[in-house]
Amino acid sequence: MPKLRPSATDQKNRALLATIKYGMERAGVEPDELALAARVCRATYYDRLRDPGQFRLCELRGISEKLHIPLEQLITGKPA
């Protein structure tokens, strides 16, 4: 059976994760620090990484501030 093309939602989730991971590398931020910035426990943060559609707006705001990435750029995954 052939592989299906990833849905638009899957592509957006992948772009969000890629932007977060790139920002972490660039800013030298550890996952625990990012969980603290999002005001969630570490386990919840990793759950959100497994299913990015579950991120809440307030969590994404904290992450964007910590990584110094505009919220819109973080969500869309497009470079500024």
PDB file of N, CA and C in Angstrom:
ATOM      1  N   MET A   1       0.842  -1.167   0.000  1.00  0.00           N
ATOM      2  CA  MET A   1       0.000   0.000   0.000  1.00  0.00           C
ATOM      3  C   MET A   1       0.898   1.246   0.000  1.00  0.00           C
ATOM      4  N   PRO A   2       0.602   2.219  -0.850  1.00  0.00           N
ATOM      5  CA  PRO A   2       1.464   3.410  -0.927  1.00  0.00           C
ATOM      6  C   PRO A   2       1.307   4.303   0.302  1.00  0.00           C
ATOM      7  N   LYS A   3       2.379   5.036   0.557  1.00  0.00           N
ATOM      8  CA  LYS A   3       2.338   5.999   1.665  1.00  0.00           C
ATOM      9  C   LYS A   3       1.437   7.167   1.281  1.00  0.00           C
ATOM     10  N   LEU A   4       0.711   7.644   2.268  1.00  0.00           N
ATOM     11  CA  LEU A   4      -0.125   8.810   2.035  1.00  0.00           C
ATOM     12  C   LEU A   4       0.684  10.079   2.244  1.00  0.00           C
ATOM     13  N   ARG A   5       0.304  11.100   1.543  1.00  0.00           N
ATOM     14  CA  ARG A   5       0.955  12.391   1.702  1.00  0.00           C
ATOM     15  C   ARG A   5       0.555  12.952   3.071  1.00  0.00           C
ATOM     16  N   PRO A   6       1.500  13.552   3.815  1.00  0.00           N
ATOM     17  CA  PRO A   6       1.150  14.129   5.122  1.00  0.00           C
ATOM     18  C   PRO A   6       0.093  15.218   4.957  1.00  0.00           C
ATOM     19  N   SER A   7      -0.841  15.251   5.894  1.00  0.00           N
ATOM     20  CA  SER A   7      -1.906  16.253   5.832  1.00  0.00           C
ATOM     21  C   SER A   7      -1.345  17.640   6.137  1.00  0.00           C
ATOM     22  N   ALA A   8      -2.143  18.655   5.877  1.00  0.00           N
ATOM     23  CA  ALA A   8      -1.720  20.036   6.138  1.00  0.00           C
ATOM     24  C   ALA A   8      -1.476  20.238   7.628  1.00  0.00           C
ATOM     25  N   THR A   9      -2.288  19.608   8.463  1.00  0.00           N
ATOM     26  CA  THR A   9      -2.111  19.723   9.915  1.00  0.00           C
ATOM     27  C   THR A   9      -0.788  19.106  10.343  1.00  0.00           C
ATOM     28  N   ASP A  10      -0.466  17.930   9.793  1.00  0.00           N
ATOM     29  CA  ASP A  10       0.807  17.290  10.114  1.00  0.00           C
ATOM     30  C   ASP A  10       1.987  18.161   9.704  1.00  0.00           C
ATOM     31  N   GLN A  11       1.883  18.771   8.544  1.00  0.00           N
ATOM     32  CA  GLN A  11       2.968  19.633   8.068  1.00  0.00           C
ATOM     33  C   GLN A  11       3.127  20.849   8.977  1.00  0.00           C
ATOM     34  N   LYS A  12       2.030  21.435   9.426  1.00  0.00           N
ATOM     35  CA  LYS A  12       2.105  22.592  10.327  1.00  0.00           C
ATOM     36  C   LYS A  12       2.678  22.193  11.672  1.00  0.00           C
ATOM     37  N   ASN A  13       2.299  21.014  12.174  1.00  0.00           N
ATOM     38  CA  ASN A  13       2.842  20.542  13.445  1.00  0.00           C
ATOM     39  C   ASN A  13       4.347  20.300  13.334  1.00  0.00           C
ATOM     40  N   ARG A  14       4.773  19.740  12.227  1.00  0.00           N
ATOM     41  CA  ARG A  14       6.206  19.510  12.016  1.00  0.00           C
ATOM     42  C   ARG A  14       6.976  20.829  11.934  1.00  0.00           C
ATOM     43  N   ALA A  15       6.371  21.820  11.280  1.00  0.00           N
ATOM     44  CA  ALA A  15       7.016  23.130  11.173  1.00  0.00           C
ATOM     45  C   ALA A  15       7.134  23.780  12.551  1.00  0.00           C
ATOM     46  N   LEU A  16       6.092  23.642  13.375  1.00  0.00           N
ATOM     47  CA  LEU A  16       6.128  24.194  14.734  1.00  0.00           C
ATOM     48  C   LEU A  16       7.245  23.549  15.550  1.00  0.00           C
ATOM     49  N   LEU A  17       7.328  22.230  15.506  1.00  0.00           N
ATOM     50  CA  LEU A  17       8.369  21.527  16.252  1.00  0.00           C
ATOM     51  C   LEU A  17       9.760  21.888  15.746  1.00  0.00           C
ATOM     52  N   ALA A  18       9.906  21.994  14.445  1.00  0.00           N
ATOM     53  CA  ALA A  18      11.207  22.351  13.878  1.00  0.00           C
ATOM     54  C   ALA A  18      11.617  23.751  14.318  1.00  0.00           C
ATOM     55  N   THR A  19      10.682  24.675  14.359  1.00  0.00           N
ATOM     56  CA  THR A  19      10.989  26.042  14.776  1.00  0.00           C
ATOM     57  C   THR A  19      11.376  26.083  16.250  1.00  0.00           C
ATOM     58  N   ILE A  20      10.672  25.316  17.082  1.00  0.00           N
ATOM     59  CA  ILE A  20      11.000  25.270  18.513  1.00  0.00           C
ATOM     60  C   ILE A  20      12.389  24.680  18.714  1.00  0.00           C
ATOM     61  N   LYS A  21      12.672  23.570  18.045  1.00  0.00           N
ATOM     62  CA  LYS A  21      13.977  22.922  18.219  1.00  0.00           C
ATOM     63  C   LYS A  21      15.110  23.792  17.680  1.00  0.00           C
ATOM     64  N   TYR A  22      14.878  24.473  16.567  1.00  0.00           N
ATOM     65  CA  TYR A  22      15.882  25.380  16.019  1.00  0.00           C
ATOM     66  C   TYR A  22      16.127  26.541  16.985  1.00  0.00           C
ATOM     67  N   GLY A  23      15.059  27.092  17.523  1.00  0.00           N
ATOM     68  CA  GLY A  23      15.194  28.189  18.484  1.00  0.00           C
ATOM     69  C   GLY A  23      15.922  27.765  19.739  1.00  0.00           C
ATOM     70  N   MET A  24      15.674  26.534  20.186  1.00  0.00           N
ATOM     71  CA  MET A  24      16.368  26.021  21.372  1.00  0.00           C
ATOM     72  C   MET A  24      17.866  25.918  21.119  1.00  0.00           C
ATOM     73  N   GLU A  25      18.228  25.409  19.965  1.00  0.00           N
ATOM     74  CA  GLU A  25      19.651  25.288  19.626  1.00  0.00           C
ATOM     75  C   GLU A  25      20.303  26.656  19.520  1.00  0.00           C
ATOM     76  N   ARG A  26      19.620  27.570  18.852  1.00  0.00           N
ATOM     77  CA  ARG A  26      20.173  28.905  18.636  1.00  0.00           C
ATOM     78  C   ARG A  26      20.319  29.683  19.938  1.00  0.00           C
ATOM     79  N   ALA A  27      19.343  29.537  20.834  1.00  0.00           N
ATOM     80  CA  ALA A  27      19.366  30.285  22.089  1.00  0.00           C
ATOM     81  C   ALA A  27      20.099  29.528  23.201  1.00  0.00           C
ATOM     82  N   GLY A  28      20.425  28.256  22.972  1.00  0.00           N
ATOM     83  CA  GLY A  28      21.098  27.467  23.994  1.00  0.00           C
ATOM     84  C   GLY A  28      20.201  27.197  25.193  1.00  0.00           C
ATOM     85  N   VAL A  29      18.932  26.925  24.928  1.00  0.00           N
ATOM     86  CA  VAL A  29      17.947  26.699  25.981  1.00  0.00           C
ATOM     87  C   VAL A  29      17.692  25.204  26.122  1.00  0.00           C
ATOM     88  N   GLU A  30      17.622  24.735  27.343  1.00  0.00           N
ATOM     89  CA  GLU A  30      17.336  23.334  27.632  1.00  0.00           C
ATOM     90  C   GLU A  30      15.821  23.107  27.674  1.00  0.00           C
ATOM     91  N   PRO A  31      15.369  21.878  27.450  1.00  0.00           N
ATOM     92  CA  PRO A  31      13.929  21.594  27.487  1.00  0.00           C
ATOM     93  C   PRO A  31      13.275  21.950  28.828  1.00  0.00           C
ATOM     94  N   ASP A  32      14.000  21.745  29.933  1.00  0.00           N
ATOM     95  CA  ASP A  32      13.441  22.093  31.249  1.00  0.00           C
ATOM     96  C   ASP A  32      13.179  23.589  31.365  1.00  0.00           C
ATOM     97  N   GLU A  33      14.066  24.399  30.803  1.00  0.00           N
ATOM     98  CA  GLU A  33      13.876  25.848  30.834  1.00  0.00           C
ATOM     99  C   GLU A  33      12.668  26.258  29.991  1.00  0.00           C
ATOM    100  N   LEU A  34      12.492  25.576  28.871  1.00  0.00           N
ATOM    101  CA  LEU A  34      11.359  25.886  28.004  1.00  0.00           C
ATOM    102  C   LEU A  34      10.041  25.478  28.658  1.00  0.00           C
ATOM    103  N   ALA A  35      10.046  24.354  29.371  1.00  0.00           N
ATOM    104  CA  ALA A  35       8.849  23.935  30.103  1.00  0.00           C
ATOM    105  C   ALA A  35       8.509  24.964  31.171  1.00  0.00           C
ATOM    106  N   LEU A  36       9.518  25.491  31.834  1.00  0.00           N
ATOM    107  CA  LEU A  36       9.304  26.515  32.852  1.00  0.00           C
ATOM    108  C   LEU A  36       8.751  27.795  32.224  1.00  0.00           C
ATOM    109  N   ALA A  37       9.262  28.163  31.058  1.00  0.00           N
ATOM    110  CA  ALA A  37       8.777  29.356  30.371  1.00  0.00           C
ATOM    111  C   ALA A  37       7.329  29.183  29.934  1.00  0.00           C
ATOM    112  N   ALA A  38       6.958  27.948  29.571  1.00  0.00           N
ATOM    113  CA  ALA A  38       5.586  27.668  29.160  1.00  0.00           C
ATOM    114  C   ALA A  38       4.665  27.486  30.367  1.00  0.00           C
ATOM    115  N   ARG A  39       5.256  27.455  31.548  1.00  0.00           N
ATOM    116  CA  ARG A  39       4.536  27.282  32.816  1.00  0.00           C
ATOM    117  C   ARG A  39       3.787  25.952  32.876  1.00  0.00           C
ATOM    118  N   VAL A  40       4.476  24.901  32.432  1.00  0.00           N
ATOM    119  CA  VAL A  40       3.958  23.544  32.540  1.00  0.00           C
ATOM    120  C   VAL A  40       5.072  22.661  33.094  1.00  0.00           C
ATOM    121  N   CYS A  41       4.693  21.488  33.605  1.00  0.00           N
ATOM    122  CA  CYS A  41       5.722  20.571  34.089  1.00  0.00           C
ATOM    123  C   CYS A  41       6.420  19.919  32.893  1.00  0.00           C
ATOM    124  N   ARG A  42       7.541  19.308  33.163  1.00  0.00           N
ATOM    125  CA  ARG A  42       8.344  18.724  32.097  1.00  0.00           C
ATOM    126  C   ARG A  42       7.573  17.637  31.346  1.00  0.00           C
ATOM    127  N   ALA A  43       6.818  16.805  32.068  1.00  0.00           N
ATOM    128  CA  ALA A  43       6.052  15.734  31.430  1.00  0.00           C
ATOM    129  C   ALA A  43       4.999  16.300  30.484  1.00  0.00           C
ATOM    130  N   THR A  44       4.334  17.361  30.889  1.00  0.00           N
ATOM    131  CA  THR A  44       3.331  17.994  30.033  1.00  0.00           C
ATOM    132  C   THR A  44       3.985  18.587  28.801  1.00  0.00           C
ATOM    133  N   TYR A  45       5.154  19.197  28.979  1.00  0.00           N
ATOM    134  CA  TYR A  45       5.886  19.770  27.839  1.00  0.00           C
ATOM    135  C   TYR A  45       6.206  18.685  26.808  1.00  0.00           C
ATOM    136  N   TYR A  46       6.691  17.533  27.269  1.00  0.00           N
ATOM    137  CA  TYR A  46       7.017  16.451  26.346  1.00  0.00           C
ATOM    138  C   TYR A  46       5.755  15.868  25.706  1.00  0.00           C
ATOM    139  N   ASP A  47       4.641  15.853  26.438  1.00  0.00           N
ATOM    140  CA  ASP A  47       3.367  15.430  25.843  1.00  0.00           C
ATOM    141  C   ASP A  47       2.972  16.369  24.708  1.00  0.00           C
ATOM    142  N   ARG A  48       3.172  17.662  24.928  1.00  0.00           N
ATOM    143  CA  ARG A  48       2.840  18.651  23.891  1.00  0.00           C
ATOM    144  C   ARG A  48       3.747  18.477  22.670  1.00  0.00           C
ATOM    145  N   LEU A  49       5.000  18.110  22.892  1.00  0.00           N
ATOM    146  CA  LEU A  49       5.897  17.882  21.756  1.00  0.00           C
ATOM    147  C   LEU A  49       5.451  16.666  20.946  1.00  0.00           C
ATOM    148  N   ARG A  50       4.911  15.650  21.624  1.00  0.00           N
ATOM    149  CA  ARG A  50       4.409  14.482  20.921  1.00  0.00           C
ATOM    150  C   ARG A  50       3.145  14.795  20.123  1.00  0.00           C
ATOM    151  N   ASP A  51       2.338  15.723  20.649  1.00  0.00           N
ATOM    152  CA  ASP A  51       1.103  16.125  19.965  1.00  0.00           C
ATOM    153  C   ASP A  51       1.015  17.649  19.985  1.00  0.00           C
ATOM    154  N   PRO A  52       1.691  18.334  19.049  1.00  0.00           N
ATOM    155  CA  PRO A  52       1.775  19.792  19.064  1.00  0.00           C
ATOM    156  C   PRO A  52       0.434  20.505  18.962  1.00  0.00           C
ATOM    157  N   GLY A  53      -0.588  19.827  18.490  1.00  0.00           N
ATOM    158  CA  GLY A  53      -1.907  20.439  18.407  1.00  0.00           C
ATOM    159  C   GLY A  53      -2.501  20.740  19.767  1.00  0.00           C
ATOM    160  N   GLN A  54      -1.924  20.184  20.814  1.00  0.00           N
ATOM    161  CA  GLN A  54      -2.424  20.382  22.170  1.00  0.00           C
ATOM    162  C   GLN A  54      -1.802  21.589  22.876  1.00  0.00           C
ATOM    163  N   PHE A  55      -0.821  22.240  22.244  1.00  0.00           N
ATOM    164  CA  PHE A  55      -0.230  23.438  22.841  1.00  0.00           C
ATOM    165  C   PHE A  55      -1.305  24.492  23.032  1.00  0.00           C
ATOM    166  N   ARG A  56      -1.268  25.172  24.153  1.00  0.00           N
ATOM    167  CA  ARG A  56      -2.192  26.273  24.404  1.00  0.00           C
ATOM    168  C   ARG A  56      -1.487  27.576  24.036  1.00  0.00           C
ATOM    169  N   LEU A  57      -2.286  28.585  23.766  1.00  0.00           N
ATOM    170  CA  LEU A  57      -1.743  29.866  23.336  1.00  0.00           C
ATOM    171  C   LEU A  57      -0.806  30.450  24.384  1.00  0.00           C
ATOM    172  N   CYS A  58      -1.171  30.370  25.658  1.00  0.00           N
ATOM    173  CA  CYS A  58      -0.321  30.935  26.704  1.00  0.00           C
ATOM    174  C   CYS A  58       1.024  30.199  26.776  1.00  0.00           C
ATOM    175  N   GLU A  59       1.023  28.895  26.492  1.00  0.00           N
ATOM    176  CA  GLU A  59       2.269  28.138  26.486  1.00  0.00           C
ATOM    177  C   GLU A  59       3.153  28.567  25.312  1.00  0.00           C
ATOM    178  N   LEU A  60       2.537  28.750  24.160  1.00  0.00           N
ATOM    179  CA  LEU A  60       3.304  29.183  22.988  1.00  0.00           C
ATOM    180  C   LEU A  60       3.852  30.596  23.177  1.00  0.00           C
ATOM    181  N   ARG A  61       3.102  31.453  23.861  1.00  0.00           N
ATOM    182  CA  ARG A  61       3.607  32.805  24.149  1.00  0.00           C
ATOM    183  C   ARG A  61       4.856  32.736  25.015  1.00  0.00           C
ATOM    184  N   GLY A  62       4.825  31.913  26.064  1.00  0.00           N
ATOM    185  CA  GLY A  62       5.990  31.762  26.931  1.00  0.00           C
ATOM    186  C   GLY A  62       7.194  31.219  26.180  1.00  0.00           C
ATOM    187  N   ILE A  63       6.962  30.258  25.316  1.00  0.00           N
ATOM    188  CA  ILE A  63       8.045  29.674  24.525  1.00  0.00           C
ATOM    189  C   ILE A  63       8.615  30.711  23.567  1.00  0.00           C
ATOM    190  N   SER A  64       7.735  31.470  22.920  1.00  0.00           N
ATOM    191  CA  SER A  64       8.225  32.469  21.958  1.00  0.00           C
ATOM    192  C   SER A  64       9.036  33.556  22.646  1.00  0.00           C
ATOM    193  N   GLU A  65       8.623  33.950  23.846  1.00  0.00           N
ATOM    194  CA  GLU A  65       9.391  34.960  24.589  1.00  0.00           C
ATOM    195  C   GLU A  65      10.754  34.421  25.008  1.00  0.00           C
ATOM    196  N   LYS A  66      10.785  33.178  25.457  1.00  0.00           N
ATOM    197  CA  LYS A  66      12.042  32.571  25.905  1.00  0.00           C
ATOM    198  C   LYS A  66      13.024  32.399  24.744  1.00  0.00           C
ATOM    199  N   LEU A  67      12.499  32.048  23.563  1.00  0.00           N
ATOM    200  CA  LEU A  67      13.358  31.810  22.409  1.00  0.00           C
ATOM    201  C   LEU A  67      13.600  33.070  21.582  1.00  0.00           C
ATOM    202  N   HIS A  68      12.942  34.167  21.948  1.00  0.00           N
ATOM    203  CA  HIS A  68      13.058  35.442  21.224  1.00  0.00           C
ATOM    204  C   HIS A  68      12.646  35.271  19.761  1.00  0.00           C
ATOM    205  N   ILE A  69      11.543  34.558  19.567  1.00  0.00           N
ATOM    206  CA  ILE A  69      10.977  34.358  18.239  1.00  0.00           C
ATOM    207  C   ILE A  69       9.557  34.919  18.282  1.00  0.00           C
ATOM    208  N   PRO A  70       9.172  35.760  17.321  1.00  0.00           N
ATOM    209  CA  PRO A  70       7.799  36.267  17.311  1.00  0.00           C
ATOM    210  C   PRO A  70       6.790  35.114  17.266  1.00  0.00           C
ATOM    211  N   LEU A  71       5.687  35.280  17.966  1.00  0.00           N
ATOM    212  CA  LEU A  71       4.684  34.223  18.075  1.00  0.00           C
ATOM    213  C   LEU A  71       4.175  33.775  16.702  1.00  0.00           C
ATOM    214  N   GLU A  72       3.932  34.717  15.827  1.00  0.00           N
ATOM    215  CA  GLU A  72       3.429  34.377  14.496  1.00  0.00           C
ATOM    216  C   GLU A  72       4.441  33.517  13.737  1.00  0.00           C
ATOM    217  N   GLN A  73       5.702  33.864  13.848  1.00  0.00           N
ATOM    218  CA  GLN A  73       6.750  33.088  13.174  1.00  0.00           C
ATOM    219  C   GLN A  73       6.862  31.701  13.785  1.00  0.00           C
ATOM    220  N   LEU A  74       6.685  31.600  15.095  1.00  0.00           N
ATOM    221  CA  LEU A  74       6.754  30.312  15.771  1.00  0.00           C
ATOM    222  C   LEU A  74       5.635  29.402  15.287  1.00  0.00           C
ATOM    223  N   ILE A  75       4.440  29.945  15.182  1.00  0.00           N
ATOM    224  CA  ILE A  75       3.287  29.139  14.791  1.00  0.00           C
ATOM    225  C   ILE A  75       3.345  28.731  13.318  1.00  0.00           C
ATOM    226  N   THR A  76       3.698  29.671  12.457  1.00  0.00           N
ATOM    227  CA  THR A  76       3.709  29.371  11.024  1.00  0.00           C
ATOM    228  C   THR A  76       4.950  28.612  10.596  1.00  0.00           C
ATOM    229  N   GLY A  77       6.037  28.772  11.329  1.00  0.00           N
ATOM    230  CA  GLY A  77       7.279  28.089  10.977  1.00  0.00           C
ATOM    231  C   GLY A  77       8.033  28.760   9.856  1.00  0.00           C
ATOM    232  N   LYS A  78       7.594  29.956   9.462  1.00  0.00           N
ATOM    233  CA  LYS A  78       8.260  30.664   8.370  1.00  0.00           C
ATOM    234  C   LYS A  78       9.304  31.621   8.923  1.00  0.00           C
ATOM    235  N   PRO A  79      10.462  31.722   8.273  1.00  0.00           N
ATOM    236  CA  PRO A  79      11.484  32.658   8.732  1.00  0.00           C
ATOM    237  C   PRO A  79      11.024  34.100   8.566  1.00  0.00           C
ATOM    238  N   ALA A  80      11.549  34.972   9.414  1.00  0.00           N
ATOM    239  CA  ALA A  80      11.151  36.384   9.380  1.00  0.00           C
ATOM    240  C   ALA A  80      11.749  37.108   8.209  1.00  0.00           C
TER     241      ALA A  80
END
